[in-house]
Protein backbone atom coordinates (compact mmCIF):
# COMPACT_ATOMS: atom_id res chain seq x y z
CA MET A 1 124.61 48.52 98.36
CA ARG A 2 122.96 48.17 95.27
CA ILE A 3 119.61 49.55 95.08
CA ALA A 4 117.09 48.73 92.85
CA VAL A 5 114.15 51.67 92.16
CA THR A 6 111.42 51.08 89.51
CA GLY A 7 109.09 54.16 88.15
CA SER A 8 112.66 55.95 89.30
CA ARG A 9 111.79 59.36 87.06
CA GLY A 10 108.00 59.19 88.86
CA PHE A 11 107.81 61.97 91.64
CA ILE A 12 108.28 59.88 94.89
CA GLY A 13 111.38 57.92 92.49
CA ALA A 14 112.76 61.04 91.54
CA ASN A 15 112.81 62.17 95.36
CA LEU A 16 113.63 58.86 96.84
CA VAL A 17 116.92 58.30 94.18
CA THR A 18 118.21 61.88 94.98
CA ARG A 19 118.40 60.70 98.67
CA LEU A 20 120.00 57.66 98.07
CA ARG A 21 122.48 58.88 95.87
CA GLU A 22 123.18 60.98 98.75
CA ARG A 23 124.43 58.30 100.58
CA PRO A 24 127.96 57.31 100.78
CA GLY A 25 128.83 53.76 99.05
CA THR A 26 125.06 53.03 97.42
CA GLU A 27 124.49 52.82 93.92
CA VAL A 28 121.35 53.28 92.54
CA VAL A 29 119.85 51.04 89.57
CA GLU A 30 117.15 52.92 87.89
CA LEU A 31 114.12 51.46 86.01
CA HIS A 32 111.65 53.52 84.26
CA ARG A 33 108.75 53.52 81.42
CA GLY A 34 111.20 53.59 78.12
CA SER A 35 114.13 52.43 79.53
CA ASP A 36 116.25 48.84 78.70
CA ALA A 37 115.57 46.74 81.48
CA PRO A 38 119.46 46.31 83.57
CA PRO A 39 119.63 42.54 85.25
CA LEU A 40 118.76 42.46 88.40
CA ASP A 41 121.24 39.62 89.50
CA GLY A 42 123.48 41.87 91.57
CA VAL A 43 120.74 44.04 93.17
CA ASP A 44 120.91 44.20 97.54
CA ALA A 45 116.94 45.66 97.62
CA VAL A 46 114.19 46.56 95.02
CA VAL A 47 111.75 49.66 95.68
CA HIS A 48 108.81 48.79 93.44
CA LEU A 49 107.19 52.92 92.70
CA ALA A 50 106.21 51.51 89.12
CA GLY A 51 102.46 51.63 88.33
CA VAL A 52 99.53 53.78 86.85
CA ASN A 53 96.74 55.46 88.67
CA ARG A 54 95.34 57.39 85.50
CA PRO A 55 95.64 55.06 82.69
CA PRO A 56 93.75 55.93 79.21
CA ASP A 57 91.42 53.06 79.90
CA PRO A 58 90.59 51.15 82.99
CA SER A 59 92.39 47.99 81.80
CA GLY A 60 95.78 49.57 82.07
CA PHE A 61 95.41 49.23 85.62
CA GLU A 62 95.63 45.65 85.24
CA GLN A 63 98.88 45.50 82.97
CA GLY A 64 100.16 49.11 84.78
CA ASN A 65 100.09 47.61 88.38
CA ALA A 66 98.72 43.98 89.25
CA ALA A 67 101.46 42.28 85.53
CA LEU A 68 103.88 44.76 86.29
CA THR A 69 104.65 43.56 90.04
CA ALA A 70 104.13 39.96 89.12
CA GLN A 71 106.74 39.68 86.58
CA LEU A 72 109.38 42.13 88.80
CA ALA A 73 108.27 38.92 91.33
CA LYS A 74 108.56 36.42 88.54
CA THR A 75 112.37 38.08 87.89
CA LEU A 76 112.95 38.21 91.18
CA GLY A 77 112.20 34.41 91.87
CA ALA A 78 114.46 33.34 89.26
CA LEU A 79 117.13 34.79 90.94
CA GLY A 80 117.78 32.27 93.69
CA ARG A 81 117.99 34.43 96.20
CA PRO A 82 115.70 36.46 98.70
CA VAL A 83 116.26 40.14 97.77
CA PRO A 84 114.28 42.43 99.84
CA VAL A 85 111.48 44.88 98.09
CA ILE A 86 109.71 47.84 99.30
CA LEU A 87 106.44 47.90 97.61
CA SER A 88 104.88 51.91 97.17
CA SER A 89 100.89 50.85 97.65
CA SER A 90 98.17 52.54 98.65
CA THR A 91 94.99 53.06 100.80
CA GLN A 92 92.68 52.35 97.62
CA ALA A 93 93.76 48.82 97.22
CA ALA A 94 91.24 48.04 100.36
CA LEU A 95 88.34 49.36 98.01
CA ASP A 96 86.74 47.90 94.86
CA ASN A 97 87.71 49.46 92.27
CA PRO A 98 89.28 48.70 89.26
CA TYR A 99 92.39 50.85 90.85
CA GLY A 100 92.71 49.36 94.10
CA SER A 101 91.72 45.59 92.81
CA SER A 102 94.91 46.47 90.76
CA LYS A 103 96.82 47.33 93.88
CA ARG A 104 95.56 44.57 95.92
CA ALA A 105 97.00 41.71 93.12
CA ALA A 106 100.58 43.50 93.41
CA GLU A 107 100.66 43.21 96.53
CA GLN A 108 99.81 39.47 96.55
CA ALA A 109 102.15 39.15 93.97
CA LEU A 110 104.91 40.12 96.08
CA GLN A 111 103.55 38.22 99.46
CA ASP A 112 103.52 35.25 97.35
CA TYR A 113 107.45 35.87 95.95
CA ALA A 114 108.30 36.26 99.91
CA ARG A 115 106.65 33.04 101.16
CA ALA A 116 108.52 31.16 98.60
CA SER A 117 111.82 33.11 98.39
CA GLY A 118 112.17 34.00 102.31
CA ALA A 119 112.89 37.54 101.37
CA ASP A 120 111.38 40.45 103.53
CA VAL A 121 108.73 41.84 101.94
CA ARG A 122 107.48 45.48 102.67
CA ILE A 123 104.32 47.17 101.68
CA TYR A 124 102.88 50.56 102.24
CA ARG A 125 99.66 51.29 101.62
CA LEU A 126 100.20 55.22 101.08
CA THR A 127 97.83 58.07 101.23
CA ASN A 128 97.56 61.12 99.69
CA VAL A 129 101.99 62.08 99.11
CA PHE A 130 102.56 65.09 98.49
CA GLY A 131 105.51 67.49 98.12
CA LYS A 132 108.36 68.88 95.23
CA TRP A 133 108.72 67.45 92.06
CA ALA A 134 104.56 66.01 92.40
CA ARG A 135 102.90 67.12 88.67
CA PRO A 136 99.68 69.50 89.17
CA ASN A 137 96.50 67.97 87.39
CA TYR A 138 97.72 64.36 87.66
CA ASN A 139 98.63 62.70 91.00
CA SER A 140 98.24 65.29 93.84
CA ALA A 141 95.37 68.09 94.64
CA VAL A 142 97.76 70.03 96.29
CA ALA A 143 100.57 70.41 93.64
CA THR A 144 97.43 71.68 91.79
CA PHE A 145 96.57 73.95 94.33
CA CYS A 146 100.77 75.12 94.59
CA HIS A 147 100.86 75.56 90.98
CA ASN A 148 97.46 77.46 90.27
CA THR A 149 98.30 79.76 93.08
CA VAL A 150 101.27 80.46 91.75
CA HIS A 151 100.35 81.46 87.97
CA GLY A 152 97.52 83.15 89.02
CA ILE A 153 95.12 80.36 88.06
CA PRO A 154 91.74 79.73 90.30
CA ILE A 155 91.22 77.15 92.54
CA THR A 156 88.38 75.13 92.49
CA VAL A 157 87.04 73.69 96.18
CA HIS A 158 83.06 71.96 95.67
CA ASP A 159 83.33 71.06 99.27
CA PRO A 160 86.03 73.05 101.97
CA ALA A 161 85.17 70.43 104.73
CA ALA A 162 85.98 67.47 102.94
CA PRO A 163 88.49 65.27 104.88
CA LEU A 164 92.05 65.18 103.40
CA ARG A 165 94.62 63.07 104.58
CA LEU A 166 97.94 63.66 103.35
CA VAL A 167 101.72 62.30 103.74
CA TYR A 168 105.07 64.62 103.02
CA ILE A 169 107.48 63.26 100.48
CA ASP A 170 110.24 63.58 102.82
CA ASP A 171 108.40 61.64 105.65
CA VAL A 172 108.02 58.83 103.00
CA CYS A 173 111.42 58.68 101.62
CA GLU A 174 112.77 58.47 105.34
CA ALA A 175 110.63 55.50 106.08
CA PHE A 176 111.90 53.91 103.07
CA LEU A 177 115.64 54.83 103.81
CA ARG A 178 114.85 52.99 107.39
CA ASP A 179 113.81 50.09 105.43
CA ILE A 180 117.32 49.95 103.89
CA ASP A 181 119.10 49.97 106.58
CA ASP A 182 117.37 47.42 108.08
CA PHE A 183 118.27 45.31 105.10
CA VAL A 184 121.59 45.97 105.46
CA ALA A 185 121.51 44.93 109.41
CA GLY A 186 119.68 42.16 108.77
CA SER A 187 117.10 43.44 110.62
CA ARG A 188 113.56 41.79 109.49
CA VAL A 189 109.65 42.61 109.80
CA ASP A 190 107.31 39.91 108.33
CA GLY A 191 103.39 40.05 107.29
CA ALA A 192 102.62 43.63 108.02
CA PHE A 193 102.04 46.25 106.00
CA ARG A 194 103.92 49.31 106.47
CA GLU A 195 103.16 53.04 107.26
CA ALA A 196 104.62 56.12 106.06
CA GLY A 197 103.74 59.48 108.95
CA PRO A 198 103.09 61.41 110.55
CA VAL A 199 99.58 61.70 108.47
CA HIS A 200 98.33 65.16 108.27
CA GLU A 201 94.78 64.95 109.15
CA THR A 202 93.11 67.98 107.45
CA THR A 203 90.64 69.11 104.91
CA VAL A 204 90.52 70.29 101.79
CA GLY A 205 89.09 74.24 102.46
CA ALA A 206 92.61 74.28 105.17
CA VAL A 207 95.01 72.91 102.80
CA ALA A 208 93.85 76.08 99.93
CA SER A 209 93.54 78.54 102.59
CA MET A 210 97.39 77.91 103.44
CA ILE A 211 98.91 77.77 100.38
CA ALA A 212 96.33 81.19 99.43
CA GLY A 213 98.67 82.51 102.55
CA PHE A 214 101.64 82.05 100.87
CA ALA A 215 100.91 83.41 97.53
CA ARG A 216 100.53 86.94 99.57
CA SER A 217 103.43 86.57 101.73
CA ARG A 218 105.33 88.52 99.50
CA SER A 219 103.33 91.72 98.98
CA GLU A 220 102.12 91.79 102.77
CA ALA A 221 105.66 90.62 103.91
CA THR A 222 104.06 87.80 106.40
CA VAL A 223 104.90 84.38 106.52
CA ASP A 224 102.70 81.60 108.25
CA ARG A 225 103.90 78.86 110.95
CA VAL A 226 106.27 77.22 108.40
CA GLY A 227 108.79 75.92 111.05
CA THR A 228 106.86 72.93 111.53
CA GLY A 229 104.23 70.51 110.75
CA LEU A 230 101.99 70.55 107.73
CA CYS A 231 102.71 74.10 107.08
CA ARG A 232 106.63 73.69 106.93
CA ALA A 233 105.45 70.64 104.67
CA LEU A 234 103.15 72.98 102.53
CA TYR A 235 105.08 75.59 102.05
CA ALA A 236 107.76 73.95 100.70
CA THR A 237 105.73 72.14 98.03
CA TYR A 238 104.52 75.31 97.40
CA LEU A 239 107.98 77.10 96.83
CA SER A 240 108.69 74.27 94.71
CA HIS A 241 106.32 75.50 92.22
CA ILE A 242 107.97 79.16 91.38
CA PRO A 243 109.73 79.30 88.36
CA PRO A 244 113.66 80.69 88.70
CA ALA A 245 112.48 83.90 87.06
CA GLU A 246 110.42 84.82 90.23
CA PHE A 247 112.81 83.51 92.74
CA SER A 248 113.94 87.07 93.71
CA TYR A 249 111.50 90.04 94.24
CA ARG A 250 111.96 93.60 96.08
CA PRO A 251 110.44 94.19 99.24
CA VAL A 252 108.67 97.43 99.83
CA ARG A 253 111.07 100.41 101.10
CA HIS A 254 110.36 103.30 102.67
CA VAL A 255 112.84 106.04 101.82
CA ASP A 256 113.30 109.52 103.98
CA PRO A 257 116.36 112.29 104.51
CA ARG A 258 117.23 109.59 107.44
CA GLY A 259 118.07 106.70 105.77
CA GLU A 260 115.18 103.85 104.25
CA PHE A 261 113.72 101.16 106.06
CA ALA A 262 111.97 98.09 104.80
CA GLU A 263 110.22 94.99 106.62
CA ILE A 264 111.86 91.67 104.89
CA VAL A 265 108.90 89.06 106.65
CA ARG A 266 106.50 89.56 109.51
CA SER A 267 105.06 86.33 111.22
CA ALA A 268 101.89 85.56 113.21
CA ASP A 269 103.77 84.97 116.14
CA SER A 270 107.36 84.99 115.96
CA GLY A 271 107.62 89.11 115.23
CA GLN A 272 109.05 90.48 112.29
CA VAL A 273 112.33 91.04 110.55
CA SER A 274 113.79 94.57 108.92
CA TYR A 275 116.74 96.38 107.87
CA PHE A 276 117.26 99.84 107.94
CA THR A 277 120.05 102.42 106.81
CA ALA A 278 120.88 105.83 108.47
CA HIS A 279 123.64 108.47 106.77
CA PRO A 280 126.35 109.89 108.69
CA GLY A 281 125.41 111.63 111.96
CA VAL A 282 121.97 110.39 111.72
CA THR A 283 120.07 109.12 114.85
CA ARG A 284 117.06 106.61 114.63
CA GLY A 285 114.78 105.19 117.56
CA GLY A 286 114.38 107.91 120.42
CA HIS A 287 111.76 105.93 122.25
CA TYR A 288 110.86 103.03 124.70
CA HIS A 289 108.52 100.28 124.91
CA HIS A 290 106.62 97.99 128.07
CA THR A 291 106.70 94.82 126.47
CA LYS A 292 108.49 94.92 123.01
CA ASN A 293 112.11 93.74 122.46
CA GLU A 294 114.14 93.77 119.91
CA LYS A 295 117.96 92.54 118.32
CA PHE A 296 120.02 94.46 116.37
CA LEU A 297 123.16 93.96 114.38
CA VAL A 298 125.04 96.23 112.52
CA LEU A 299 126.17 95.04 109.45
CA ARG A 300 128.04 97.63 107.48
CA GLY A 301 129.22 100.97 109.06
CA ARG A 302 129.60 102.12 112.97
CA ALA A 303 127.06 102.53 115.12
CA ARG A 304 126.48 104.06 118.82
CA PHE A 305 123.33 102.57 120.91
CA ARG A 306 122.47 104.48 123.80
CA PHE A 307 120.06 103.59 126.26
CA ARG A 308 118.41 105.19 129.58
CA ASP A 309 116.55 103.26 132.37
CA MET A 310 112.98 104.97 132.17
CA ARG A 311 112.60 104.32 136.12
CA THR A 312 115.69 105.23 137.36
CA GLY A 313 117.31 107.25 134.79
CA ALA A 314 120.52 105.37 134.34
CA VAL A 315 122.18 105.58 131.45
CA HIS A 316 123.97 102.81 128.87
CA GLN A 317 126.13 103.12 125.70
CA ILE A 318 127.62 100.33 123.50
CA ASP A 319 129.46 101.13 120.61
CA THR A 320 129.22 98.32 117.68
CA THR A 321 131.05 98.47 113.98
CA GLY A 322 129.79 96.11 110.89
CA THR A 323 133.40 94.42 110.85
CA ASP A 324 133.19 93.10 114.84
CA PRO A 325 129.42 91.54 114.25
CA THR A 326 127.60 92.39 117.97
CA VAL A 327 124.34 91.63 118.68
CA VAL A 328 122.37 94.35 120.81
CA GLU A 329 119.02 94.00 122.19
CA THR A 330 116.67 96.38 123.78
CA VAL A 331 114.76 95.76 127.00
CA PRO A 332 111.52 96.65 128.09
CA GLY A 333 111.66 100.01 130.54
CA TRP A 334 114.91 101.41 128.81
CA ALA A 335 114.30 104.16 126.01
CA HIS A 336 117.33 103.96 123.44
CA ASP A 337 118.25 105.52 120.05
CA ILE A 338 120.87 104.23 117.47
CA THR A 339 123.51 106.84 115.92
CA ASN A 340 125.85 106.43 112.86
CA ILE A 341 128.85 107.73 114.36
CA GLY A 342 130.78 106.79 111.13
CA GLU A 343 131.66 108.47 108.06
CA GLU A 344 129.52 105.68 105.34
CA GLU A 345 126.46 104.58 105.57
CA MET A 346 125.32 102.33 108.09
CA LEU A 347 123.16 99.31 107.42
CA VAL A 348 121.68 97.25 110.37
CA MET A 349 119.61 94.10 110.71
CA LEU A 350 116.55 93.81 112.76
CA TRP A 351 114.55 91.49 114.84
CA ALA A 352 111.87 92.53 116.70
CA ASN A 353 109.36 89.88 119.17
CA GLU A 354 106.22 91.55 117.57
CA ALA A 355 105.09 92.62 114.25
CA PHE A 356 104.63 96.41 114.73
CA ASP A 357 100.94 97.24 115.14
CA ARG A 358 99.92 101.06 113.91
CA GLU A 359 97.00 100.53 116.59
CA HIS A 360 98.89 99.58 119.67
CA PRO A 361 102.84 100.41 118.94
CA ASP A 362 104.09 99.94 122.10
CA THR A 363 106.19 102.67 121.24
CA ILE A 364 107.16 105.81 123.29
CA ALA A 365 108.58 108.55 122.13
CA THR A 366 111.13 110.24 124.21
CA ARG A 367 114.34 111.82 124.15
CA LEU A 368 117.60 110.50 125.54
CA GLY A 369 119.75 113.92 125.62
CA SER A 370 123.23 114.66 124.44
């Protein structure tokens, strides 16, 4: 399939073009400012993303949005066949301002084209789109917050309670790709505006606070709930603003005669990940927990795990090596320790279900005996 993308080097365009090129059998025709406009004769669909939202003069809205789209509609109409179109419009199209008026005119031009040609035209009135490759201080407050935070520039928030509606770039691209699949399959949607989502309802203050927390994640070894929803999308956006020179960092290490220990990450509600080393013959641990539990994985060396049931005195032993990866779990109510029984330094990765709390450690020292 041959897909033309206008505004292909803009924020949404760059993301969509990347996604399209991941699809076997898809050819992308890029149209962007400064390029020679290629013929559209052979295209199977057009995704119209080109436009302006901050021209030097308000008159630029008419030329960059309404007139540009009218010219595209005229070009497609001259092809003599119905070429489906996806239009990236804006929620501001419902407002009576120069930008909104120019977006409404762009929508109307393509609706007229749809009626005249029979083409399937799908219009998205997008709210604030954010994600990787958005320009700070231009088309995304989220991009500005992320850029400033990464570079130590203060963020100005005039009204933390101001509502903010956000949609993530990956969700926008997914919606466009589903439409393209519809075009291929011959499925049709007429007359309705489309939505990309989910739309995240939040506030300016909440977003700024979340991004500030991401910045502390390295120094404090903490991570927020970054696996789902808005937090996941914001975290990915924040990371996309980190320069390559700062892709790596060193954890805080605690070294003593037994070896070293370092926390890699602490989460709000899913525990922490750390690692430790032990010199040959060194035993670490020697305690039990009432509720806390852990998973150990020996990455290098030979280890002996010993367990004792604090109620019955029953004992258990497990030997593992880095060459035969085995996860060993500690169980509440069982005392445990780990000894390096090899001849090289032992390296162990550890997950605990809760971050260590010095005030309430749930770690009671005891000897397991010889």
